[in-house]
Structures are given as structure tokens and as C-alpha cells.
Amino acid sequence: MSDRSANNSGHAEPSYSEVDVATRRLMAALDALESAVERRREADRDENELASRIQALGADRSRLADELDGSLVKSRRLERANREIAERLDAAIGTIRAVLDAGEESPGLESALAEEDVADEEDSEDS
């Protein structure tokens, strides 16, 4: 009988060195797989952290947009009040100028106003 008939399959058994080489290759492949899995986990953690940051930025953006809207409303109110005050001041200045111009045209007005002031003072002293 020959070696082939003793093995029943016709193939020679691999030597220990071939098994060692295959085992080392398998271990290296498993190490590479483990490293790839760890990198994927880190990437997933980074992705989750990034998603959380994006969500926080979205919330900040909404809050800031609300604050900006409120500030714009307040600014418009202040501008409107400023215009109204400016119009009132212009009207008051116009009235004062008209009174001063009228006083220059009729000097008796000043003395009449002065007499009225004196009368008001006397009335307040009597009370």
C-alpha cells in the first residue's frame, strides 16, 4: 500500500509549520477585525457626539433668533418713540419761536407777562 491509500483521501496532512502560519494569519486577521470594530465604535461615538452638538447648536440658534426678534421689536418701538419725541420737540421749538417773535413785535406782551407773574406770586403768598 502506498501513502495515498493510508490517508484515504489522497492528500498529505499539512505540516505544523503550515498550521502555524495559518494560525498566525488568522490571529492577524482577527486583530485587524478587532481594530476595525474599535475604530467603528469610536466613529459611532464621534457621530453621536456630533449629533448632540448639532442639536445644541440648533437650540442655541432658536433661542438667539427669539432674542433677536424681541430686540428688533424693542428697537422699532424705541425708534417710533424717538420720532414722536423729535416731532414734539420741533412743535415746541416752533411754538417758542412764535411766542418770541410775537414778543418782539409787541413789547407790551413782556410787561403783561411780567405783571401776570407778579400777580401769581402775590396770590400764592396770600394762600
N, C-alpha and C. Protein backbone atom coordinates (compact mmCIF):
# COMPACT_ATOMS: atom_id res chain seq x y z
N MET A 1 0.82 -1.16 0.00
CA MET A 1 0.00 0.00 0.00
C MET A 1 0.87 1.23 0.00
N SER A 2 0.36 2.23 -0.61
CA SER A 2 1.13 3.46 -0.70
C SER A 2 0.64 4.46 0.34
N ASP A 3 1.31 5.61 0.39
CA ASP A 3 0.92 6.66 1.35
C ASP A 3 -0.48 7.17 1.07
N ARG A 4 -0.83 7.15 -0.20
CA ARG A 4 -2.14 7.68 -0.55
C ARG A 4 -3.25 6.80 0.00
N SER A 5 -3.08 5.56 -0.06
CA SER A 5 -4.13 4.68 0.43
C SER A 5 -4.19 4.70 1.95
N ALA A 6 -3.13 5.04 2.62
CA ALA A 6 -3.11 5.09 4.07
C ALA A 6 -3.90 6.30 4.58
N ASN A 7 -3.92 7.38 3.83
CA ASN A 7 -4.63 8.58 4.25
C ASN A 7 -6.09 8.57 3.82
N ASN A 8 -6.46 7.70 2.97
CA ASN A 8 -7.81 7.53 2.47
C ASN A 8 -8.28 8.70 1.61
N SER A 9 -7.66 9.84 1.66
CA SER A 9 -8.16 10.98 0.89
C SER A 9 -7.24 11.33 -0.25
N GLY A 10 -6.10 10.92 -0.24
CA GLY A 10 -5.16 11.24 -1.29
C GLY A 10 -4.42 12.52 -1.04
N HIS A 11 -4.67 13.19 0.06
CA HIS A 11 -3.97 14.44 0.38
C HIS A 11 -3.05 14.19 1.55
N ALA A 12 -1.93 14.83 1.51
CA ALA A 12 -0.99 14.72 2.63
C ALA A 12 -1.41 15.71 3.70
N GLU A 13 -1.22 15.38 4.96
CA GLU A 13 -1.57 16.29 6.04
C GLU A 13 -0.62 17.47 6.03
N PRO A 14 -1.13 18.69 6.34
CA PRO A 14 -0.25 19.85 6.36
C PRO A 14 0.73 19.73 7.51
N SER A 15 1.87 20.28 7.29
CA SER A 15 2.89 20.22 8.33
C SER A 15 2.56 21.23 9.42
N TYR A 16 3.24 21.10 10.57
CA TYR A 16 3.00 22.02 11.69
C TYR A 16 3.35 23.44 11.31
N SER A 17 4.33 23.64 10.50
CA SER A 17 4.72 25.00 10.12
C SER A 17 3.62 25.65 9.28
N GLU A 18 2.95 24.89 8.44
CA GLU A 18 1.84 25.45 7.66
C GLU A 18 0.68 25.80 8.58
N VAL A 19 0.42 24.99 9.57
CA VAL A 19 -0.65 25.27 10.54
C VAL A 19 -0.28 26.51 11.35
N ASP A 20 0.97 26.62 11.75
CA ASP A 20 1.41 27.80 12.49
C ASP A 20 1.25 29.06 11.65
N VAL A 21 1.63 28.98 10.39
CA VAL A 21 1.50 30.14 9.50
C VAL A 21 0.02 30.50 9.37
N ALA A 22 -0.83 29.51 9.16
CA ALA A 22 -2.27 29.77 9.02
C ALA A 22 -2.84 30.34 10.31
N THR A 23 -2.38 29.82 11.45
CA THR A 23 -2.85 30.33 12.74
C THR A 23 -2.43 31.79 12.92
N ARG A 24 -1.20 32.09 12.57
CA ARG A 24 -0.72 33.48 12.67
C ARG A 24 -1.52 34.40 11.76
N ARG A 25 -1.80 33.92 10.56
CA ARG A 25 -2.60 34.73 9.63
C ARG A 25 -4.01 34.95 10.18
N LEU A 26 -4.58 33.90 10.76
CA LEU A 26 -5.91 34.02 11.36
C LEU A 26 -5.88 35.00 12.53
N MET A 27 -4.88 34.94 13.37
CA MET A 27 -4.76 35.85 14.51
C MET A 27 -4.59 37.29 14.03
N ALA A 28 -3.78 37.47 12.99
CA ALA A 28 -3.58 38.82 12.44
C ALA A 28 -4.89 39.35 11.88
N ALA A 29 -5.64 38.49 11.20
CA ALA A 29 -6.92 38.90 10.64
C ALA A 29 -7.90 39.26 11.76
N LEU A 30 -7.91 38.47 12.83
CA LEU A 30 -8.79 38.76 13.97
C LEU A 30 -8.39 40.07 14.65
N ASP A 31 -7.08 40.30 14.78
CA ASP A 31 -6.61 41.58 15.35
C ASP A 31 -7.04 42.75 14.48
N ALA A 32 -6.91 42.58 13.16
CA ALA A 32 -7.32 43.64 12.24
C ALA A 32 -8.82 43.88 12.35
N LEU A 33 -9.59 42.80 12.46
CA LEU A 33 -11.04 42.93 12.61
C LEU A 33 -11.38 43.65 13.92
N GLU A 34 -10.70 43.28 15.00
CA GLU A 34 -10.94 43.92 16.29
C GLU A 34 -10.61 45.41 16.22
N SER A 35 -9.52 45.74 15.56
CA SER A 35 -9.14 47.16 15.40
C SER A 35 -10.20 47.90 14.58
N ALA A 36 -10.68 47.26 13.52
CA ALA A 36 -11.70 47.89 12.68
C ALA A 36 -12.99 48.11 13.47
N VAL A 37 -13.36 47.13 14.29
CA VAL A 37 -14.56 47.27 15.12
C VAL A 37 -14.39 48.42 16.11
N GLU A 38 -13.23 48.53 16.73
CA GLU A 38 -12.97 49.61 17.69
C GLU A 38 -13.01 50.98 16.99
N ARG A 39 -12.42 51.05 15.80
CA ARG A 39 -12.48 52.31 15.04
C ARG A 39 -13.92 52.67 14.71
N ARG A 40 -14.71 51.67 14.37
CA ARG A 40 -16.12 51.91 14.05
C ARG A 40 -16.87 52.39 15.29
N ARG A 41 -16.59 51.80 16.44
CA ARG A 41 -17.23 52.25 17.69
C ARG A 41 -16.87 53.70 17.99
N GLU A 42 -15.59 54.03 17.82
CA GLU A 42 -15.15 55.41 18.04
C GLU A 42 -15.84 56.35 17.06
N ALA A 43 -15.94 55.93 15.81
CA ALA A 43 -16.62 56.75 14.80
C ALA A 43 -18.09 56.95 15.17
N ASP A 44 -18.72 55.88 15.67
CA ASP A 44 -20.12 56.00 16.10
C ASP A 44 -20.26 56.94 17.28
N ARG A 45 -19.32 56.85 18.24
CA ARG A 45 -19.35 57.77 19.39
C ARG A 45 -19.15 59.20 18.91
N ASP A 46 -18.19 59.39 18.00
CA ASP A 46 -17.96 60.73 17.46
C ASP A 46 -19.20 61.24 16.73
N GLU A 47 -19.85 60.35 16.00
CA GLU A 47 -21.05 60.74 15.27
C GLU A 47 -22.16 61.13 16.24
N ASN A 48 -22.32 60.36 17.31
CA ASN A 48 -23.34 60.69 18.31
C ASN A 48 -23.02 62.01 19.00
N GLU A 49 -21.75 62.22 19.30
CA GLU A 49 -21.34 63.48 19.93
C GLU A 49 -21.59 64.65 18.99
N LEU A 50 -21.28 64.45 17.72
CA LEU A 50 -21.52 65.49 16.72
C LEU A 50 -23.01 65.78 16.60
N ALA A 51 -23.83 64.74 16.60
CA ALA A 51 -25.28 64.93 16.53
C ALA A 51 -25.77 65.72 17.74
N SER A 52 -25.22 65.42 18.92
CA SER A 52 -25.61 66.17 20.13
C SER A 52 -25.20 67.63 20.01
N ARG A 53 -24.02 67.86 19.50
CA ARG A 53 -23.56 69.25 19.32
C ARG A 53 -24.43 69.98 18.32
N ILE A 54 -24.79 69.31 17.24
CA ILE A 54 -25.65 69.94 16.24
C ILE A 54 -27.00 70.27 16.84
N GLN A 55 -27.54 69.37 17.66
CA GLN A 55 -28.81 69.62 18.32
C GLN A 55 -28.69 70.82 19.27
N ALA A 56 -27.60 70.89 20.02
CA ALA A 56 -27.39 72.02 20.93
C ALA A 56 -27.26 73.32 20.15
N LEU A 57 -26.55 73.28 19.03
CA LEU A 57 -26.41 74.48 18.20
C LEU A 57 -27.77 74.91 17.65
N GLY A 58 -28.59 73.94 17.28
CA GLY A 58 -29.93 74.26 16.80
C GLY A 58 -30.76 74.94 17.88
N ALA A 59 -30.66 74.43 19.10
CA ALA A 59 -31.39 75.05 20.22
C ALA A 59 -30.88 76.46 20.48
N ASP A 60 -29.54 76.63 20.46
CA ASP A 60 -28.96 77.97 20.64
C ASP A 60 -29.42 78.91 19.54
N ARG A 61 -29.45 78.41 18.32
CA ARG A 61 -29.88 79.23 17.19
C ARG A 61 -31.32 79.69 17.38
N SER A 62 -32.19 78.78 17.81
CA SER A 62 -33.59 79.14 18.04
C SER A 62 -33.71 80.19 19.14
N ARG A 63 -32.97 79.99 20.22
CA ARG A 63 -33.01 80.95 21.32
C ARG A 63 -32.51 82.32 20.87
N LEU A 64 -31.41 82.32 20.13
CA LEU A 64 -30.86 83.59 19.64
C LEU A 64 -31.80 84.27 18.65
N ALA A 65 -32.47 83.47 17.82
CA ALA A 65 -33.44 84.04 16.87
C ALA A 65 -34.59 84.70 17.64
N ASP A 66 -35.06 84.05 18.71
CA ASP A 66 -36.12 84.64 19.53
C ASP A 66 -35.65 85.94 20.18
N GLU A 67 -34.43 85.92 20.72
CA GLU A 67 -33.89 87.13 21.34
C GLU A 67 -33.74 88.25 20.31
N LEU A 68 -33.30 87.90 19.11
CA LEU A 68 -33.15 88.90 18.06
C LEU A 68 -34.50 89.49 17.69
N ASP A 69 -35.52 88.64 17.56
CA ASP A 69 -36.86 89.14 17.25
C ASP A 69 -37.33 90.11 18.32
N GLY A 70 -37.12 89.75 19.58
CA GLY A 70 -37.50 90.65 20.68
C GLY A 70 -36.74 91.96 20.63
N SER A 71 -35.46 91.88 20.32
CA SER A 71 -34.64 93.10 20.23
C SER A 71 -35.09 93.98 19.08
N LEU A 72 -35.46 93.36 17.97
CA LEU A 72 -35.94 94.13 16.82
C LEU A 72 -37.25 94.85 17.15
N VAL A 73 -38.15 94.16 17.85
CA VAL A 73 -39.41 94.78 18.25
C VAL A 73 -39.13 95.97 19.17
N LYS A 74 -38.25 95.76 20.15
CA LYS A 74 -37.90 96.83 21.08
C LYS A 74 -37.25 98.00 20.34
N SER A 75 -36.36 97.70 19.41
CA SER A 75 -35.68 98.74 18.64
C SER A 75 -36.69 99.55 17.83
N ARG A 76 -37.66 98.86 17.22
CA ARG A 76 -38.68 99.58 16.44
C ARG A 76 -39.52 100.48 17.33
N ARG A 77 -39.86 99.98 18.54
CA ARG A 77 -40.62 100.81 19.48
C ARG A 77 -39.82 102.05 19.88
N LEU A 78 -38.54 101.86 20.15
CA LEU A 78 -37.69 102.99 20.54
C LEU A 78 -37.55 104.00 19.39
N GLU A 79 -37.40 103.49 18.17
CA GLU A 79 -37.31 104.40 17.02
C GLU A 79 -38.60 105.20 16.87
N ARG A 80 -39.74 104.54 17.04
CA ARG A 80 -41.03 105.22 16.92
C ARG A 80 -41.16 106.28 18.02
N ALA A 81 -40.79 105.93 19.25
CA ALA A 81 -40.85 106.90 20.35
C ALA A 81 -39.90 108.07 20.09
N ASN A 82 -38.72 107.77 19.55
CA ASN A 82 -37.75 108.81 19.23
C ASN A 82 -38.32 109.78 18.19
N ARG A 83 -38.98 109.23 17.16
CA ARG A 83 -39.59 110.10 16.14
C ARG A 83 -40.68 110.97 16.75
N GLU A 84 -41.52 110.37 17.61
CA GLU A 84 -42.60 111.13 18.24
C GLU A 84 -42.03 112.25 19.11
N ILE A 85 -40.99 111.95 19.87
CA ILE A 85 -40.36 112.97 20.72
C ILE A 85 -39.75 114.07 19.86
N ALA A 86 -39.10 113.69 18.78
CA ALA A 86 -38.50 114.69 17.89
C ALA A 86 -39.58 115.60 17.30
N GLU A 87 -40.72 115.00 16.93
CA GLU A 87 -41.82 115.81 16.39
C GLU A 87 -42.35 116.77 17.45
N ARG A 88 -42.50 116.29 18.68
CA ARG A 88 -42.98 117.14 19.77
C ARG A 88 -41.99 118.27 20.06
N LEU A 89 -40.70 117.93 20.05
CA LEU A 89 -39.68 118.97 20.28
C LEU A 89 -39.72 120.01 19.17
N ASP A 90 -39.86 119.55 17.93
CA ASP A 90 -39.95 120.50 16.81
C ASP A 90 -41.17 121.40 16.98
N ALA A 91 -42.30 120.83 17.39
CA ALA A 91 -43.50 121.63 17.60
C ALA A 91 -43.29 122.63 18.74
N ALA A 92 -42.66 122.17 19.83
CA ALA A 92 -42.41 123.06 20.97
C ALA A 92 -41.46 124.18 20.57
N ILE A 93 -40.42 123.85 19.81
CA ILE A 93 -39.48 124.87 19.34
C ILE A 93 -40.20 125.88 18.46
N GLY A 94 -41.08 125.38 17.60
CA GLY A 94 -41.86 126.28 16.74
C GLY A 94 -42.75 127.20 17.56
N THR A 95 -43.38 126.65 18.58
CA THR A 95 -44.25 127.46 19.44
C THR A 95 -43.44 128.51 20.19
N ILE A 96 -42.30 128.11 20.72
CA ILE A 96 -41.44 129.06 21.45
C ILE A 96 -40.96 130.16 20.53
N ARG A 97 -40.56 129.80 19.33
CA ARG A 97 -40.12 130.83 18.37
C ARG A 97 -41.26 131.78 18.03
N ALA A 98 -42.45 131.23 17.85
CA ALA A 98 -43.60 132.08 17.53
C ALA A 98 -43.89 133.04 18.68
N VAL A 99 -43.81 132.54 19.91
CA VAL A 99 -44.04 133.40 21.07
C VAL A 99 -42.96 134.47 21.16
N LEU A 100 -41.70 134.08 20.93
CA LEU A 100 -40.61 135.06 20.98
C LEU A 100 -40.75 136.10 19.87
N ASP A 101 -41.12 135.64 18.69
CA ASP A 101 -41.31 136.58 17.58
C ASP A 101 -42.48 137.52 17.88
N ALA A 102 -43.54 137.00 18.47
CA ALA A 102 -44.68 137.84 18.81
C ALA A 102 -44.29 138.83 19.91
N GLY A 103 -43.43 138.42 20.83
CA GLY A 103 -42.98 139.29 21.91
C GLY A 103 -42.13 140.43 21.38
N GLU A 104 -41.35 140.18 20.36
CA GLU A 104 -40.53 141.23 19.77
C GLU A 104 -41.39 142.24 19.03
N GLU A 105 -42.49 141.76 18.47
CA GLU A 105 -43.37 142.65 17.72
C GLU A 105 -44.22 143.50 18.65
N SER A 106 -44.60 143.00 19.81
CA SER A 106 -45.41 143.78 20.75
C SER A 106 -44.71 143.78 22.10
N PRO A 107 -43.93 144.85 22.38
CA PRO A 107 -43.18 144.90 23.63
C PRO A 107 -44.09 144.92 24.85
N GLY A 108 -45.33 145.27 24.70
CA GLY A 108 -46.24 145.28 25.83
C GLY A 108 -46.53 143.88 26.34
N LEU A 109 -46.29 142.87 25.51
CA LEU A 109 -46.55 141.49 25.90
C LEU A 109 -45.63 141.08 27.06
N GLU A 110 -44.37 141.50 26.99
CA GLU A 110 -43.43 141.16 28.06
C GLU A 110 -43.87 141.76 29.39
N SER A 111 -44.30 143.01 29.34
CA SER A 111 -44.72 143.63 30.60
C SER A 111 -46.01 143.00 31.11
N ALA A 112 -46.89 142.58 30.19
CA ALA A 112 -48.13 141.92 30.61
C ALA A 112 -47.81 140.58 31.25
N LEU A 113 -46.86 139.85 30.67
CA LEU A 113 -46.46 138.57 31.25
C LEU A 113 -45.80 138.77 32.60
N ALA A 114 -44.99 139.81 32.72
CA ALA A 114 -44.32 140.09 33.98
C ALA A 114 -45.35 140.45 35.05
N GLU A 115 -46.36 141.26 34.69
CA GLU A 115 -47.40 141.63 35.65
C GLU A 115 -48.18 140.39 36.08
N GLU A 116 -48.43 139.50 35.12
CA GLU A 116 -49.16 138.27 35.43
C GLU A 116 -48.36 137.41 36.40
N ASP A 117 -47.03 137.34 36.21
CA ASP A 117 -46.18 136.57 37.11
C ASP A 117 -46.22 137.15 38.52
N VAL A 118 -46.18 138.48 38.62
CA VAL A 118 -46.22 139.14 39.93
C VAL A 118 -47.55 138.84 40.62
N ALA A 119 -48.63 138.89 39.85
CA ALA A 119 -49.95 138.62 40.43
C ALA A 119 -50.03 137.18 40.91
N ASP A 120 -49.46 136.27 40.15
CA ASP A 120 -49.46 134.86 40.55
C ASP A 120 -48.67 134.66 41.84
N GLU A 121 -47.55 135.37 41.97
CA GLU A 121 -46.74 135.26 43.18
C GLU A 121 -47.48 135.80 44.39
N GLU A 122 -48.19 136.93 44.20
CA GLU A 122 -48.94 137.51 45.31
C GLU A 122 -50.06 136.59 45.74
N ASP A 123 -50.73 135.97 44.76
CA ASP A 123 -51.82 135.04 45.10
C ASP A 123 -51.28 133.84 45.88
N SER A 124 -50.12 133.36 45.49
CA SER A 124 -49.56 132.19 46.18
C SER A 124 -49.08 132.56 47.58
N GLU A 125 -48.65 133.82 47.79
CA GLU A 125 -48.22 134.25 49.11
C GLU A 125 -49.42 134.41 50.04
N ASP A 126 -50.54 134.85 49.48
CA ASP A 126 -51.74 135.06 50.28
C ASP A 126 -52.34 133.73 50.73
N SER A 127 -52.12 132.69 49.99
CA SER A 127 -52.75 131.42 50.34
C SER A 127 -52.04 130.66 51.38
